[in-house]
Every structure is written in structure tokens, then in C-alpha cells.
Amino acid sequence: NTVYLQMNSPKPEDTAAYYCAAKFTARLVRLYANRYEYDNWGQGTQV
């Protein structure tokens, strides 16, 4: 029940609070790049 983000060769411009988000969907193949499509959000972690 975990999603990961491996950050290799980060740059200073990658500095931000990072949030994971989840969208309930019946569609196996879909993925979503629009933040407004997500239903659930974490509290964030600072990088």
C-alpha cells in the first residue's frame, strides 16, 4: 500500500513540499496529471 518517488540527481529548483495524491478509478490503464482530478491528498513532506 505504498507509492514511492525516487529522486536522483536532484537540483536546487526541486526544493518544495512534496505531496502524494490518490484518485479512485475503475480504469486500470488511466493515470492523471491534473491535480484537480485527485480526491485524496497527504500532508506533504519537505524536500
All heavy atoms as atom14 arrays in JSON, in Angstrom:
{
  "sequence": "NTVYLQMNSPKPEDTAAYYCAAKFTARLVRLYANRYEYDNWGQGTQV",
  "atom14_mask": [
    [1, 1, 1, 1, 1, 1, 1, 1, 0, 0, 0, 0, 0, 0],
    [1, 1, 1, 1, 1, 1, 1, 0, 0, 0, 0, 0, 0, 0],
    [1, 1, 1, 1, 1, 1, 1, 0, 0, 0, 0, 0, 0, 0],
    [1, 1, 1, 1, 1, 1, 1, 1, 1, 1, 1, 1, 0, 0],
    [1, 1, 1, 1, 1, 1, 1, 1, 0, 0, 0, 0, 0, 0],
    [1, 1, 1, 1, 1, 1, 1, 1, 1, 0, 0, 0, 0, 0],
    [1, 1, 1, 1, 1, 1, 1, 1, 0, 0, 0, 0, 0, 0],
    [1, 1, 1, 1, 1, 1, 1, 1, 0, 0, 0, 0, 0, 0],
    [1, 1, 1, 1, 1, 1, 0, 0, 0, 0, 0, 0, 0, 0],
    [1, 1, 1, 1, 1, 1, 1, 0, 0, 0, 0, 0, 0, 0],
    [1, 1, 1, 1, 1, 1, 1, 1, 1, 0, 0, 0, 0, 0],
    [1, 1, 1, 1, 1, 1, 1, 0, 0, 0, 0, 0, 0, 0],
    [1, 1, 1, 1, 1, 1, 1, 1, 1, 0, 0, 0, 0, 0],
    [1, 1, 1, 1, 1, 1, 1, 1, 0, 0, 0, 0, 0, 0],
    [1, 1, 1, 1, 1, 1, 1, 0, 0, 0, 0, 0, 0, 0],
    [1, 1, 1, 1, 1, 0, 0, 0, 0, 0, 0, 0, 0, 0],
    [1, 1, 1, 1, 1, 0, 0, 0, 0, 0, 0, 0, 0, 0],
    [1, 1, 1, 1, 1, 1, 1, 1, 1, 1, 1, 1, 0, 0],
    [1, 1, 1, 1, 1, 1, 1, 1, 1, 1, 1, 1, 0, 0],
    [1, 1, 1, 1, 1, 1, 0, 0, 0, 0, 0, 0, 0, 0],
    [1, 1, 1, 1, 1, 0, 0, 0, 0, 0, 0, 0, 0, 0],
    [1, 1, 1, 1, 1, 0, 0, 0, 0, 0, 0, 0, 0, 0],
    [1, 1, 1, 1, 1, 1, 1, 1, 1, 0, 0, 0, 0, 0],
    [1, 1, 1, 1, 1, 1, 1, 1, 1, 1, 1, 0, 0, 0],
    [1, 1, 1, 1, 1, 1, 1, 0, 0, 0, 0, 0, 0, 0],
    [1, 1, 1, 1, 1, 0, 0, 0, 0, 0, 0, 0, 0, 0],
    [1, 1, 1, 1, 1, 1, 1, 1, 1, 1, 1, 0, 0, 0],
    [1, 1, 1, 1, 1, 1, 1, 1, 0, 0, 0, 0, 0, 0],
    [1, 1, 1, 1, 1, 1, 1, 0, 0, 0, 0, 0, 0, 0],
    [1, 1, 1, 1, 1, 1, 1, 1, 1, 1, 1, 0, 0, 0],
    [1, 1, 1, 1, 1, 1, 1, 1, 0, 0, 0, 0, 0, 0],
    [1, 1, 1, 1, 1, 1, 1, 1, 1, 1, 1, 1, 0, 0],
    [1, 1, 1, 1, 1, 0, 0, 0, 0, 0, 0, 0, 0, 0],
    [1, 1, 1, 1, 1, 1, 1, 1, 0, 0, 0, 0, 0, 0],
    [1, 1, 1, 1, 1, 1, 1, 1, 1, 1, 1, 0, 0, 0],
    [1, 1, 1, 1, 1, 1, 1, 1, 1, 1, 1, 1, 0, 0],
    [1, 1, 1, 1, 1, 1, 1, 1, 1, 0, 0, 0, 0, 0],
    [1, 1, 1, 1, 1, 1, 1, 1, 1, 1, 1, 1, 0, 0],
    [1, 1, 1, 1, 1, 1, 1, 1, 0, 0, 0, 0, 0, 0],
    [1, 1, 1, 1, 1, 1, 1, 1, 0, 0, 0, 0, 0, 0],
    [1, 1, 1, 1, 1, 1, 1, 1, 1, 1, 1, 1, 1, 1],
    [1, 1, 1, 1, 0, 0, 0, 0, 0, 0, 0, 0, 0, 0],
    [1, 1, 1, 1, 1, 1, 1, 1, 1, 0, 0, 0, 0, 0],
    [1, 1, 1, 1, 0, 0, 0, 0, 0, 0, 0, 0, 0, 0],
    [1, 1, 1, 1, 1, 1, 1, 0, 0, 0, 0, 0, 0, 0],
    [1, 1, 1, 1, 1, 1, 1, 1, 1, 0, 0, 0, 0, 0],
    [1, 1, 1, 1, 1, 1, 1, 0, 0, 0, 0, 0, 0, 0]
  ],
  "atom14_positions": [
    [[0.83, -1.22, 0.0], [0.0, 0.0, 0.0], [0.86, 1.26, 0.0], [0.56, 2.23, 0.72], [-0.94, 0.01, 1.21], [-1.97, -1.09, 1.17], [-2.16, -1.74, 0.14], [-2.63, -1.33, 2.28], [0.0, 0.0, 0.0], [0.0, 0.0, 0.0], [0.0, 0.0, 0.0], [0.0, 0.0, 0.0], [0.0, 0.0, 0.0], [0.0, 0.0, 0.0]],
    [[1.88, 1.26, -0.82], [2.83, 2.37, -0.8], [3.22, 2.78, -2.22], [3.4, 1.93, -3.09], [4.09, 1.98, -0.01], [3.72, 1.59, 1.32], [5.06, 3.15, 0.09], [0.0, 0.0, 0.0], [0.0, 0.0, 0.0], [0.0, 0.0, 0.0], [0.0, 0.0, 0.0], [0.0, 0.0, 0.0], [0.0, 0.0, 0.0], [0.0, 0.0, 0.0]],
    [[3.34, 4.09, -2.41], [3.87, 4.63, -3.65], [5.16, 5.37, -3.3], [5.29, 5.95, -2.22], [2.85, 5.55, -4.35], [2.51, 6.76, -3.5], [3.35, 5.97, -5.71], [0.0, 0.0, 0.0], [0.0, 0.0, 0.0], [0.0, 0.0, 0.0], [0.0, 0.0, 0.0], [0.0, 0.0, 0.0], [0.0, 0.0, 0.0], [0.0, 0.0, 0.0]],
    [[6.11, 5.32, -4.23], [7.44, 5.89, -3.99], [7.77, 6.93, -5.06], [7.27, 6.88, -6.18], [8.5, 4.79, -4.04], [8.26, 3.65, -3.08], [7.63, 2.48, -3.54], [8.65, 3.72, -1.76], [7.41, 1.42, -2.67], [8.43, 2.66, -0.89], [7.81, 1.52, -1.35], [7.58, 0.47, -0.49], [0.0, 0.0, 0.0], [0.0, 0.0, 0.0]],
    [[8.65, 7.84, -4.68], [9.24, 8.74, -5.65], [10.75, 8.74, -5.41], [11.22, 9.27, -4.39], [8.69, 10.16, -5.53], [9.19, 11.12, -6.6], [8.63, 10.75, -7.98], [8.83, 12.57, -6.27], [0.0, 0.0, 0.0], [0.0, 0.0, 0.0], [0.0, 0.0, 0.0], [0.0, 0.0, 0.0], [0.0, 0.0, 0.0], [0.0, 0.0, 0.0]],
    [[11.47, 8.1, -6.3], [12.93, 8.09, -6.24], [13.44, 9.33, -6.93], [13.19, 9.53, -8.11], [13.48, 6.83, -6.91], [14.99, 6.74, -6.93], [15.58, 6.53, -5.54], [15.05, 5.78, -4.73], [16.69, 7.22, -5.27], [0.0, 0.0, 0.0], [0.0, 0.0, 0.0], [0.0, 0.0, 0.0], [0.0, 0.0, 0.0], [0.0, 0.0, 0.0]],
    [[14.15, 10.17, -6.18], [14.66, 11.42, -6.71], [16.17, 11.27, -6.89], [16.92, 11.25, -5.91], [14.34, 12.57, -5.75], [12.86, 12.72, -5.46], [12.53, 13.97, -4.18], [13.13, 15.45, -4.98], [0.0, 0.0, 0.0], [0.0, 0.0, 0.0], [0.0, 0.0, 0.0], [0.0, 0.0, 0.0], [0.0, 0.0, 0.0], [0.0, 0.0, 0.0]],
    [[16.6, 11.15, -8.12], [18.02, 11.05, -8.44], [18.5, 12.38, -9.02], [17.77, 13.06, -9.73], [18.26, 9.93, -9.43], [17.85, 8.57, -8.87], [18.06, 8.28, -7.7], [17.27, 7.75, -9.72], [0.0, 0.0, 0.0], [0.0, 0.0, 0.0], [0.0, 0.0, 0.0], [0.0, 0.0, 0.0], [0.0, 0.0, 0.0], [0.0, 0.0, 0.0]],
    [[19.73, 12.71, -8.72], [20.34, 13.96, -9.19], [19.42, 15.15, -8.98], [19.14, 15.91, -9.93], [20.7, 13.84, -10.69], [21.62, 12.79, -10.88], [0.0, 0.0, 0.0], [0.0, 0.0, 0.0], [0.0, 0.0, 0.0], [0.0, 0.0, 0.0], [0.0, 0.0, 0.0], [0.0, 0.0, 0.0], [0.0, 0.0, 0.0], [0.0, 0.0, 0.0]],
    [[18.91, 15.34, -7.78], [18.04, 16.49, -7.56], [18.8, 17.8, -7.74], [20.04, 17.85, -7.58], [17.57, 16.31, -6.12], [18.64, 15.52, -5.47], [19.15, 14.59, -6.53], [0.0, 0.0, 0.0], [0.0, 0.0, 0.0], [0.0, 0.0, 0.0], [0.0, 0.0, 0.0], [0.0, 0.0, 0.0], [0.0, 0.0, 0.0], [0.0, 0.0, 0.0]],
    [[18.05, 18.84, -8.06], [18.6, 20.16, -8.28], [17.99, 21.13, -7.26], [16.9, 20.86, -6.73], [18.27, 20.63, -9.7], [18.75, 19.71, -10.8], [18.28, 20.18, -12.16], [18.72, 19.23, -13.27], [18.25, 19.68, -14.6], [0.0, 0.0, 0.0], [0.0, 0.0, 0.0], [0.0, 0.0, 0.0], [0.0, 0.0, 0.0], [0.0, 0.0, 0.0]],
    [[18.63, 22.24, -7.01], [18.05, 23.21, -6.08], [16.62, 23.61, -6.45], [15.79, 23.86, -5.56], [19.02, 24.39, -6.16], [20.33, 23.75, -6.48], [19.99, 22.62, -7.42], [0.0, 0.0, 0.0], [0.0, 0.0, 0.0], [0.0, 0.0, 0.0], [0.0, 0.0, 0.0], [0.0, 0.0, 0.0], [0.0, 0.0, 0.0], [0.0, 0.0, 0.0]],
    [[16.32, 23.66, -7.72], [14.96, 24.03, -8.15], [13.93, 22.96, -7.86], [12.72, 23.19, -8.03], [14.94, 24.4, -9.64], [15.56, 23.39, -10.56], [17.0, 23.72, -10.91], [17.78, 24.11, -10.0], [17.36, 23.56, -12.1], [0.0, 0.0, 0.0], [0.0, 0.0, 0.0], [0.0, 0.0, 0.0], [0.0, 0.0, 0.0], [0.0, 0.0, 0.0]],
    [[14.35, 21.79, -7.41], [13.41, 20.75, -6.97], [12.96, 20.96, -5.53], [12.09, 20.23, -5.04], [14.05, 19.36, -7.08], [14.33, 18.97, -8.51], [13.51, 19.27, -9.41], [15.4, 18.37, -8.76], [0.0, 0.0, 0.0], [0.0, 0.0, 0.0], [0.0, 0.0, 0.0], [0.0, 0.0, 0.0], [0.0, 0.0, 0.0], [0.0, 0.0, 0.0]],
    [[13.53, 21.95, -4.86], [13.15, 22.24, -3.48], [11.68, 22.63, -3.41], [11.22, 23.53, -4.12], [14.01, 23.38, -2.92], [15.37, 22.93, -2.83], [13.53, 23.8, -1.53], [0.0, 0.0, 0.0], [0.0, 0.0, 0.0], [0.0, 0.0, 0.0], [0.0, 0.0, 0.0], [0.0, 0.0, 0.0], [0.0, 0.0, 0.0], [0.0, 0.0, 0.0]],
    [[10.92, 21.9, -2.58], [9.48, 22.13, -2.46], [8.91, 21.19, -1.41], [9.6, 20.26, -0.96], [8.79, 21.88, -3.79], [0.0, 0.0, 0.0], [0.0, 0.0, 0.0], [0.0, 0.0, 0.0], [0.0, 0.0, 0.0], [0.0, 0.0, 0.0], [0.0, 0.0, 0.0], [0.0, 0.0, 0.0], [0.0, 0.0, 0.0], [0.0, 0.0, 0.0]],
    [[7.67, 21.42, -1.07], [6.91, 20.43, -0.31], [6.33, 19.44, -1.32], [5.73, 19.87, -2.32], [5.8, 21.09, 0.49], [0.0, 0.0, 0.0], [0.0, 0.0, 0.0], [0.0, 0.0, 0.0], [0.0, 0.0, 0.0], [0.0, 0.0, 0.0], [0.0, 0.0, 0.0], [0.0, 0.0, 0.0], [0.0, 0.0, 0.0], [0.0, 0.0, 0.0]],
    [[6.51, 18.17, -1.07], [6.04, 17.13, -2.0], [4.82, 16.43, -1.39], [4.83, 16.03, -0.22], [7.15, 16.12, -2.26], [8.16, 16.64, -3.25], [9.07, 17.63, -2.88], [8.21, 16.17, -4.56], [9.98, 18.14, -3.79], [9.12, 16.67, -5.47], [10.0, 17.64, -5.07], [10.9, 18.15, -5.99], [0.0, 0.0, 0.0], [0.0, 0.0, 0.0]],
    [[3.8, 16.29, -2.24], [2.54, 15.71, -1.81], [2.2, 14.49, -2.66], [2.35, 14.54, -3.88], [1.4, 16.72, -1.96], [1.56, 17.97, -1.14], [2.28, 19.06, -1.63], [0.98, 18.06, 0.12], [2.42, 20.22, -0.88], [1.12, 19.22, 0.89], [1.85, 20.28, 0.37], [1.98, 21.42, 1.13], [0.0, 0.0, 0.0], [0.0, 0.0, 0.0]],
    [[1.73, 13.44, -2.03], [1.17, 12.36, -2.83], [-0.34, 12.51, -2.86], [-0.95, 13.12, -1.97], [1.59, 10.99, -2.33], [0.84, 10.45, -0.8], [0.0, 0.0, 0.0], [0.0, 0.0, 0.0], [0.0, 0.0, 0.0], [0.0, 0.0, 0.0], [0.0, 0.0, 0.0], [0.0, 0.0, 0.0], [0.0, 0.0, 0.0], [0.0, 0.0, 0.0]],
    [[-0.93, 11.97, -3.91], [-2.37, 12.1, -4.12], [-2.91, 10.8, -4.69], [-2.19, 10.08, -5.39], [-2.66, 13.26, -5.07], [0.0, 0.0, 0.0], [0.0, 0.0, 0.0], [0.0, 0.0, 0.0], [0.0, 0.0, 0.0], [0.0, 0.0, 0.0], [0.0, 0.0, 0.0], [0.0, 0.0, 0.0], [0.0, 0.0, 0.0], [0.0, 0.0, 0.0]],
    [[-4.17, 10.53, -4.4], [-4.8, 9.3, -4.85], [-6.13, 9.61, -5.51], [-6.9, 10.45, -5.04], [-5.04, 8.38, -3.65], [0.0, 0.0, 0.0], [0.0, 0.0, 0.0], [0.0, 0.0, 0.0], [0.0, 0.0, 0.0], [0.0, 0.0, 0.0], [0.0, 0.0, 0.0], [0.0, 0.0, 0.0], [0.0, 0.0, 0.0], [0.0, 0.0, 0.0]],
    [[-6.38, 8.93, -6.63], [-7.66, 9.06, -7.31], [-8.29, 7.69, -7.48], [-7.71, 6.82, -8.15], [-7.51, 9.71, -8.68], [-8.85, 9.74, -9.43], [-8.83, 10.52, -10.67], [-10.15, 10.37, -11.42], [-11.29, 10.87, -10.61], [0.0, 0.0, 0.0], [0.0, 0.0, 0.0], [0.0, 0.0, 0.0], [0.0, 0.0, 0.0], [0.0, 0.0, 0.0]],
    [[-9.45, 7.52, -6.88], [-10.19, 6.29, -7.05], [-10.68, 6.21, -8.49], [-11.28, 7.15, -9.01], [-11.38, 6.25, -6.08], [-12.22, 5.01, -6.21], [-11.77, 3.81, -5.69], [-13.44, 5.05, -6.87], [-12.54, 2.66, -5.81], [-14.21, 3.9, -6.99], [-13.76, 2.71, -6.47], [0.0, 0.0, 0.0], [0.0, 0.0, 0.0], [0.0, 0.0, 0.0]],
    [[-10.42, 5.09, -9.16], [-10.83, 4.95, -10.55], [-11.06, 3.49, -10.89], [-10.35, 2.61, -10.42], [-9.78, 5.56, -11.5], [-10.21, 5.34, -12.85], [-8.42, 4.92, -11.32], [0.0, 0.0, 0.0], [0.0, 0.0, 0.0], [0.0, 0.0, 0.0], [0.0, 0.0, 0.0], [0.0, 0.0, 0.0], [0.0, 0.0, 0.0], [0.0, 0.0, 0.0]],
    [[-12.05, 3.27, -11.75], [-12.31, 1.91, -12.23], [-11.42, 1.58, -13.42], [-11.36, 0.43, -13.87], [-13.77, 1.77, -12.61], [0.0, 0.0, 0.0], [0.0, 0.0, 0.0], [0.0, 0.0, 0.0], [0.0, 0.0, 0.0], [0.0, 0.0, 0.0], [0.0, 0.0, 0.0], [0.0, 0.0, 0.0], [0.0, 0.0, 0.0], [0.0, 0.0, 0.0]],
    [[-10.72, 2.58, -13.92], [-9.91, 2.41, -15.13], [-8.5, 1.97, -14.78], [-7.73, 2.73, -14.2], [-9.88, 3.7, -15.92], [-11.26, 4.15, -16.37], [-11.19, 5.42, -17.18], [-12.49, 5.8, -17.7], [-12.69, 6.82, -18.52], [-11.67, 7.55, -18.93], [-13.9, 7.1, -18.94], [0.0, 0.0, 0.0], [0.0, 0.0, 0.0], [0.0, 0.0, 0.0]],
    [[-8.15, 0.76, -15.18], [-6.83, 0.22, -14.86], [-5.71, 1.01, -15.51], [-4.66, 1.22, -14.92], [-6.74, -1.24, -15.31], [-7.19, -2.31, -14.33], [-7.11, -3.68, -15.0], [-6.37, -2.29, -13.07], [0.0, 0.0, 0.0], [0.0, 0.0, 0.0], [0.0, 0.0, 0.0], [0.0, 0.0, 0.0], [0.0, 0.0, 0.0], [0.0, 0.0, 0.0]],
    [[-5.89, 1.45, -16.75], [-4.77, 1.99, -17.52], [-4.59, 3.5, -17.34], [-3.56, 4.06, -17.67], [-4.9, 1.68, -19.01], [-4.9, 0.17, -19.22], [-6.16, 2.29, -19.6], [0.0, 0.0, 0.0], [0.0, 0.0, 0.0], [0.0, 0.0, 0.0], [0.0, 0.0, 0.0], [0.0, 0.0, 0.0], [0.0, 0.0, 0.0], [0.0, 0.0, 0.0]],
    [[-5.6, 4.18, -16.8], [-5.53, 5.64, -16.72], [-4.55, 6.1, -15.67], [-4.4, 5.49, -14.6], [-6.9, 6.22, -16.38], [-7.81, 6.54, -17.55], [-7.31, 7.64, -18.45], [-7.11, 8.92, -17.82], [-8.05, 9.84, -17.66], [-9.29, 9.61, -18.04], [-7.75, 11.01, -17.11], [0.0, 0.0, 0.0], [0.0, 0.0, 0.0], [0.0, 0.0, 0.0]],
    [[-3.9, 7.23, -15.97], [-3.18, 7.96, -14.95], [-3.54, 9.43, -15.12], [-4.07, 9.84, -16.15], [-1.67, 7.71, -15.02], [-0.97, 7.65, -16.37], [-0.81, 9.03, -16.96], [0.4, 7.0, -16.19], [0.0, 0.0, 0.0], [0.0, 0.0, 0.0], [0.0, 0.0, 0.0], [0.0, 0.0, 0.0], [0.0, 0.0, 0.0], [0.0, 0.0, 0.0]],
    [[-3.26, 10.21, -14.11], [-3.82, 11.56, -14.03], [-2.73, 12.57, -13.68], [-2.04, 12.41, -12.67], [-4.93, 11.6, -12.98], [-6.04, 10.61, -13.27], [-5.95, 9.3, -12.83], [-7.16, 11.0, -14.02], [-6.95, 8.39, -13.12], [-8.16, 10.09, -14.3], [-8.04, 8.78, -13.85], [-9.04, 7.89, -14.14], [0.0, 0.0, 0.0], [0.0, 0.0, 0.0]],
    [[-2.61, 13.6, -14.5], [-1.6, 14.63, -14.26], [-2.21, 15.93, -13.74], [-1.48, 16.83, -13.34], [-0.83, 14.92, -15.54], [0.0, 0.0, 0.0], [0.0, 0.0, 0.0], [0.0, 0.0, 0.0], [0.0, 0.0, 0.0], [0.0, 0.0, 0.0], [0.0, 0.0, 0.0], [0.0, 0.0, 0.0], [0.0, 0.0, 0.0], [0.0, 0.0, 0.0]],
    [[-3.52, 16.0, -13.73], [-4.21, 17.21, -13.3], [-4.55, 17.1, -11.82], [-5.26, 16.19, -11.4], [-5.49, 17.38, -14.11], [-6.19, 18.69, -13.84], [-6.05, 19.28, -12.77], [-6.95, 19.15, -14.8], [0.0, 0.0, 0.0], [0.0, 0.0, 0.0], [0.0, 0.0, 0.0], [0.0, 0.0, 0.0], [0.0, 0.0, 0.0], [0.0, 0.0, 0.0]],
    [[-4.07, 18.03, -11.03], [-4.25, 17.94, -9.57], [-5.72, 17.99, -9.18], [-6.1, 17.45, -8.14], [-3.51, 19.08, -8.87], [-3.96, 20.48, -9.27], [-3.21, 21.52, -8.49], [-3.47, 22.86, -9.01], [-3.4, 23.95, -8.28], [-3.08, 23.87, -7.01], [-3.64, 25.13, -8.81], [0.0, 0.0, 0.0], [0.0, 0.0, 0.0], [0.0, 0.0, 0.0]],
    [[-6.56, 18.61, -10.01], [-7.97, 18.75, -9.67], [-8.73, 17.44, -9.83], [-9.87, 17.33, -9.4], [-8.6, 19.85, -10.5], [-8.01, 21.2, -10.23], [-7.17, 21.82, -11.14], [-8.25, 21.86, -9.02], [-6.59, 23.07, -10.88], [-7.69, 23.09, -8.74], [-6.86, 23.69, -9.67], [-6.3, 24.9, -9.39], [0.0, 0.0, 0.0], [0.0, 0.0, 0.0]],
    [[-8.1, 16.44, -10.43], [-8.75, 15.15, -10.6], [-8.56, 14.24, -9.4], [-9.19, 13.19, -9.3], [-8.21, 14.45, -11.85], [-8.53, 15.19, -13.15], [-8.07, 14.44, -14.37], [-6.85, 14.46, -14.65], [-8.92, 13.83, -15.04], [0.0, 0.0, 0.0], [0.0, 0.0, 0.0], [0.0, 0.0, 0.0], [0.0, 0.0, 0.0], [0.0, 0.0, 0.0]],
    [[-7.7, 14.63, -8.47], [-7.4, 13.78, -7.33], [-8.34, 14.05, -6.16], [-8.69, 15.19, -5.87], [-5.95, 13.97, -6.9], [-4.99, 13.27, -7.83], [-4.51, 13.91, -8.96], [-4.59, 11.96, -7.58], [-3.65, 13.25, -9.83], [-3.73, 11.3, -8.43], [-3.26, 11.95, -9.56], [-2.41, 11.29, -10.42], [0.0, 0.0, 0.0], [0.0, 0.0, 0.0]],
    [[-8.72, 12.97, -5.49], [-9.69, 13.04, -4.42], [-9.05, 13.13, -3.03], [-9.68, 13.63, -2.09], [-10.57, 11.77, -4.41], [-11.1, 11.43, -5.79], [-11.8, 12.28, -6.36], [-10.8, 10.33, -6.28], [0.0, 0.0, 0.0], [0.0, 0.0, 0.0], [0.0, 0.0, 0.0], [0.0, 0.0, 0.0], [0.0, 0.0, 0.0], [0.0, 0.0, 0.0]],
    [[-7.86, 12.6, -2.91], [-7.24, 12.45, -1.6], [-5.8, 12.92, -1.64], [-5.08, 12.64, -2.6], [-7.25, 10.97, -1.17], [-8.64, 10.38, -1.19], [-9.4, 10.49, -0.24], [-8.99, 9.76, -2.31], [0.0, 0.0, 0.0], [0.0, 0.0, 0.0], [0.0, 0.0, 0.0], [0.0, 0.0, 0.0], [0.0, 0.0, 0.0], [0.0, 0.0, 0.0]],
    [[-5.4, 13.61, -0.58], [-4.06, 14.19, -0.5], [-3.42, 13.89, 0.85], [-4.11, 13.82, 1.88], [-4.12, 15.71, -0.68], [-4.53, 16.11, -2.04], [-5.8, 16.25, -2.53], [-3.65, 16.43, -3.13], [-5.76, 16.63, -3.86], [-4.45, 16.75, -4.24], [-2.26, 16.48, -3.27], [-3.92, 17.12, -5.48], [-1.74, 16.85, -4.5], [-2.55, 17.16, -5.59]],
    [[-2.1, 13.74, 0.83], [-1.36, 13.66, 2.07], [-1.03, 15.04, 2.58], [-1.38, 16.05, 1.95], [0.0, 0.0, 0.0], [0.0, 0.0, 0.0], [0.0, 0.0, 0.0], [0.0, 0.0, 0.0], [0.0, 0.0, 0.0], [0.0, 0.0, 0.0], [0.0, 0.0, 0.0], [0.0, 0.0, 0.0], [0.0, 0.0, 0.0], [0.0, 0.0, 0.0]],
    [[-0.32, 15.08, 3.69], [0.02, 16.36, 4.33], [1.3, 16.97, 3.76], [1.58, 18.14, 3.99], [0.18, 16.16, 5.84], [-1.14, 15.82, 6.53], [-2.17, 16.9, 6.35], [-1.95, 18.07, 6.64], [-3.34, 16.53, 5.83], [0.0, 0.0, 0.0], [0.0, 0.0, 0.0], [0.0, 0.0, 0.0], [0.0, 0.0, 0.0], [0.0, 0.0, 0.0]],
    [[2.06, 16.18, 3.04], [3.26, 16.71, 2.41], [4.52, 16.42, 3.21], [4.49, 16.24, 4.42], [0.0, 0.0, 0.0], [0.0, 0.0, 0.0], [0.0, 0.0, 0.0], [0.0, 0.0, 0.0], [0.0, 0.0, 0.0], [0.0, 0.0, 0.0], [0.0, 0.0, 0.0], [0.0, 0.0, 0.0], [0.0, 0.0, 0.0], [0.0, 0.0, 0.0]],
    [[5.63, 16.38, 2.49], [6.94, 16.24, 3.11], [7.9, 17.21, 2.42], [7.88, 17.32, 1.19], [7.44, 14.79, 3.04], [8.67, 14.66, 3.77], [7.67, 14.31, 1.61], [0.0, 0.0, 0.0], [0.0, 0.0, 0.0], [0.0, 0.0, 0.0], [0.0, 0.0, 0.0], [0.0, 0.0, 0.0], [0.0, 0.0, 0.0], [0.0, 0.0, 0.0]],
    [[8.68, 17.92, 3.19], [9.56, 18.95, 2.65], [10.85, 18.34, 2.11], [11.5, 17.54, 2.79], [9.87, 19.99, 3.71], [10.8, 21.08, 3.26], [10.2, 22.0, 2.19], [8.99, 22.26, 2.21], [11.02, 22.47, 1.27], [0.0, 0.0, 0.0], [0.0, 0.0, 0.0], [0.0, 0.0, 0.0], [0.0, 0.0, 0.0], [0.0, 0.0, 0.0]],
    [[11.21, 18.77, 0.91], [12.49, 18.39, 0.31], [13.27, 19.67, 0.03], [12.75, 20.57, -0.64], [12.29, 17.59, -0.99], [13.63, 17.37, -1.68], [11.6, 16.26, -0.69], [0.0, 0.0, 0.0], [0.0, 0.0, 0.0], [0.0, 0.0, 0.0], [0.0, 0.0, 0.0], [0.0, 0.0, 0.0], [0.0, 0.0, 0.0], [0.0, 0.0, 0.0]]
  ]
}
